[in-house]
Every structure is written in structure tokens, then in C-alpha cells.
Amino acid sequence: MLTEYIDESLRRAKYEIIDDEEPFYGEVKELKGVWATGKTLEQCRDNLKEVVEGWILISLKKDLPIPKLGNFEISLMEEAVV
């Protein structure tokens, strides 16, 4: 589930070249504040994947909403009281 969500976020990522030391820029518009740069497109994509992973963890810890991407959704499971 987590891997599929991250893969879907990377499929939705938009990339561009900017005037910077790390000229490749990528972002996932559906995930507020998720962006990364890199010296190559591959490095930018790897960095973006790490940012998505961290964003998910922080969102879960702070109980922030995580938008559904396509058929993929992440939410905390409530513990069953026995």
C-alpha cells in the first residue's frame, strides 16, 4: 500500500529544468510542499521519493490529511480494543 502510493505520487510528479546548481526540479502538486531538486533527473526523482516518504511520515505523526491519489489511500488503522 505505501509503496504503491509513493509510486503513484512519482507518476504524477512534474519536472522542469531551472537555473540552479541542481537544475532538475520536481514536485507533486497534490502533496502540499513536496518538491525536490537534483543534478540529474534520476537524482531529482530519487530525492523526490525520499521527500514523499518523509512527508507521509510527518503527516501521519501530526494527524494531517493525506490525499487519495488515484486508487491509493493511506490512513492509520485504529487499534481494536480487546
C-alpha atoms as a PDB file:
ATOM      1  CA  MET A   1       0.000   0.000   0.000  1.00  0.00           C
ATOM      2  CA  LEU A   2       2.719   2.516   0.956  1.00  0.00           C
ATOM      3  CA  THR A   3       4.926   1.575  -1.988  1.00  0.00           C
ATOM      4  CA  GLU A   4       2.020   1.863  -4.413  1.00  0.00           C
ATOM      5  CA  TYR A   5       1.117   5.294  -3.027  1.00  0.00           C
ATOM      6  CA  ILE A   6       4.700   6.519  -3.424  1.00  0.00           C
ATOM      7  CA  ASP A   7       4.888   5.089  -6.951  1.00  0.00           C
ATOM      8  CA  GLU A   8       1.627   6.845  -7.849  1.00  0.00           C
ATOM      9  CA  SER A   9       2.925  10.142  -6.460  1.00  0.00           C
ATOM     10  CA  LEU A  10       6.058   9.827  -8.627  1.00  0.00           C
ATOM     11  CA  ARG A  11       3.899   9.094 -11.693  1.00  0.00           C
ATOM     12  CA  ARG A  12       2.065  12.360 -11.010  1.00  0.00           C
ATOM     13  CA  ALA A  13       5.258  14.382 -10.473  1.00  0.00           C
ATOM     14  CA  LYS A  14       6.024  17.237 -12.838  1.00  0.00           C
ATOM     15  CA  TYR A  15       9.648  18.004 -13.676  1.00  0.00           C
ATOM     16  CA  GLU A  16      11.339  21.046 -15.133  1.00  0.00           C
ATOM     17  CA  ILE A  17      14.800  22.483 -15.571  1.00  0.00           C
ATOM     18  CA  ILE A  18      15.607  25.559 -13.501  1.00  0.00           C
ATOM     19  CA  ASP A  19      18.590  27.907 -13.332  1.00  0.00           C
ATOM     20  CA  ASP A  20      20.290  26.417 -10.272  1.00  0.00           C
ATOM     21  CA  GLU A  21      23.280  24.343  -9.152  1.00  0.00           C
ATOM     22  CA  GLU A  22      20.870  21.395  -9.160  1.00  0.00           C
ATOM     23  CA  PRO A  23      18.926  22.189 -12.323  1.00  0.00           C
ATOM     24  CA  PHE A  24      16.329  19.426 -12.225  1.00  0.00           C
ATOM     25  CA  TYR A  25      13.238  20.340 -10.200  1.00  0.00           C
ATOM     26  CA  GLY A  26      10.303  18.064  -9.476  1.00  0.00           C
ATOM     27  CA  GLU A  27       7.136  18.403  -7.479  1.00  0.00           C
ATOM     28  CA  VAL A  28       3.935  16.558  -6.698  1.00  0.00           C
ATOM     29  CA  LYS A  29       1.238  19.236  -6.762  1.00  0.00           C
ATOM     30  CA  GLU A  30      -1.314  17.053  -4.961  1.00  0.00           C
ATOM     31  CA  LEU A  31       1.011  16.799  -1.944  1.00  0.00           C
ATOM     32  CA  LYS A  32       1.439  20.286  -0.462  1.00  0.00           C
ATOM     33  CA  GLY A  33       5.090  21.273  -0.091  1.00  0.00           C
ATOM     34  CA  VAL A  34       6.516  18.164  -1.765  1.00  0.00           C
ATOM     35  CA  TRP A  35       9.344  19.078  -4.126  1.00  0.00           C
ATOM     36  CA  ALA A  36      13.000  18.223  -4.731  1.00  0.00           C
ATOM     37  CA  THR A  37      15.962  19.082  -6.929  1.00  0.00           C
ATOM     38  CA  GLY A  38      18.894  17.138  -8.319  1.00  0.00           C
ATOM     39  CA  LYS A  39      21.897  17.392 -10.614  1.00  0.00           C
ATOM     40  CA  THR A  40      20.300  14.785 -12.886  1.00  0.00           C
ATOM     41  CA  LEU A  41      16.691  13.793 -13.499  1.00  0.00           C
ATOM     42  CA  GLU A  42      17.364  10.432 -11.834  1.00  0.00           C
ATOM     43  CA  GLN A  43      18.823  12.127  -8.735  1.00  0.00           C
ATOM     44  CA  CYS A  44      15.883  14.524  -8.615  1.00  0.00           C
ATOM     45  CA  ARG A  45      13.450  11.602  -8.797  1.00  0.00           C
ATOM     46  CA  ASP A  46      15.318   9.740  -6.023  1.00  0.00           C
ATOM     47  CA  ASN A  47      15.304  12.878  -3.863  1.00  0.00           C
ATOM     48  CA  LEU A  48      11.612  13.403  -4.552  1.00  0.00           C
ATOM     49  CA  LYS A  49      10.861   9.844  -3.472  1.00  0.00           C
ATOM     50  CA  GLU A  50      12.611  10.489  -0.134  1.00  0.00           C
ATOM     51  CA  VAL A  51      10.666  13.720   0.313  1.00  0.00           C
ATOM     52  CA  VAL A  52       7.365  11.909  -0.335  1.00  0.00           C
ATOM     53  CA  GLU A  53       8.291   9.232   2.232  1.00  0.00           C
ATOM     54  CA  GLY A  54       9.157  11.868   4.849  1.00  0.00           C
ATOM     55  CA  TRP A  55       6.034  13.882   4.055  1.00  0.00           C
ATOM     56  CA  ILE A  56       3.858  10.808   4.618  1.00  0.00           C
ATOM     57  CA  LEU A  57       5.518  10.027   7.956  1.00  0.00           C
ATOM     58  CA  ILE A  58       5.186  13.594   9.216  1.00  0.00           C
ATOM     59  CA  SER A  59       1.572  13.782   8.032  1.00  0.00           C
ATOM     60  CA  LEU A  60       0.726  10.580   9.882  1.00  0.00           C
ATOM     61  CA  LYS A  61       2.529  11.686  13.054  1.00  0.00           C
ATOM     62  CA  LYS A  62       0.783  15.066  13.069  1.00  0.00           C
ATOM     63  CA  ASP A  63      -2.571  13.581  12.035  1.00  0.00           C
ATOM     64  CA  LEU A  64      -2.641  15.718   8.878  1.00  0.00           C
ATOM     65  CA  PRO A  65      -4.783  14.712   5.909  1.00  0.00           C
ATOM     66  CA  ILE A  66      -3.130  12.655   3.183  1.00  0.00           C
ATOM     67  CA  PRO A  67      -4.954  12.994  -0.125  1.00  0.00           C
ATOM     68  CA  LYS A  68      -6.040   9.935  -2.055  1.00  0.00           C
ATOM     69  CA  LEU A  69      -4.037   9.529  -5.276  1.00  0.00           C
ATOM     70  CA  GLY A  70      -5.985   7.550  -7.831  1.00  0.00           C
ATOM     71  CA  ASN A  71      -6.949   4.284  -6.134  1.00  0.00           C
ATOM     72  CA  PHE A  72      -4.325   4.668  -3.403  1.00  0.00           C
ATOM     73  CA  GLU A  73      -5.034   5.946   0.084  1.00  0.00           C
ATOM     74  CA  ILE A  74      -3.040   5.991   3.322  1.00  0.00           C
ATOM     75  CA  SER A  75      -4.602   6.169   6.757  1.00  0.00           C
ATOM     76  CA  LEU A  76      -3.857   4.979  10.255  1.00  0.00           C
ATOM     77  CA  MET A  77      -5.603   1.843  11.371  1.00  0.00           C
ATOM     78  CA  GLU A  78      -7.386   2.111  14.684  1.00  0.00           C
ATOM     79  CA  GLU A  79      -6.389  -0.479  17.280  1.00  0.00           C
ATOM     80  CA  ALA A  80      -9.065  -2.933  18.240  1.00  0.00           C
ATOM     81  CA  VAL A  81      -9.859  -2.937  21.929  1.00  0.00           C
ATOM     82  CA  VAL A  82      -9.994  -6.494  23.270  1.00  0.00           C
END
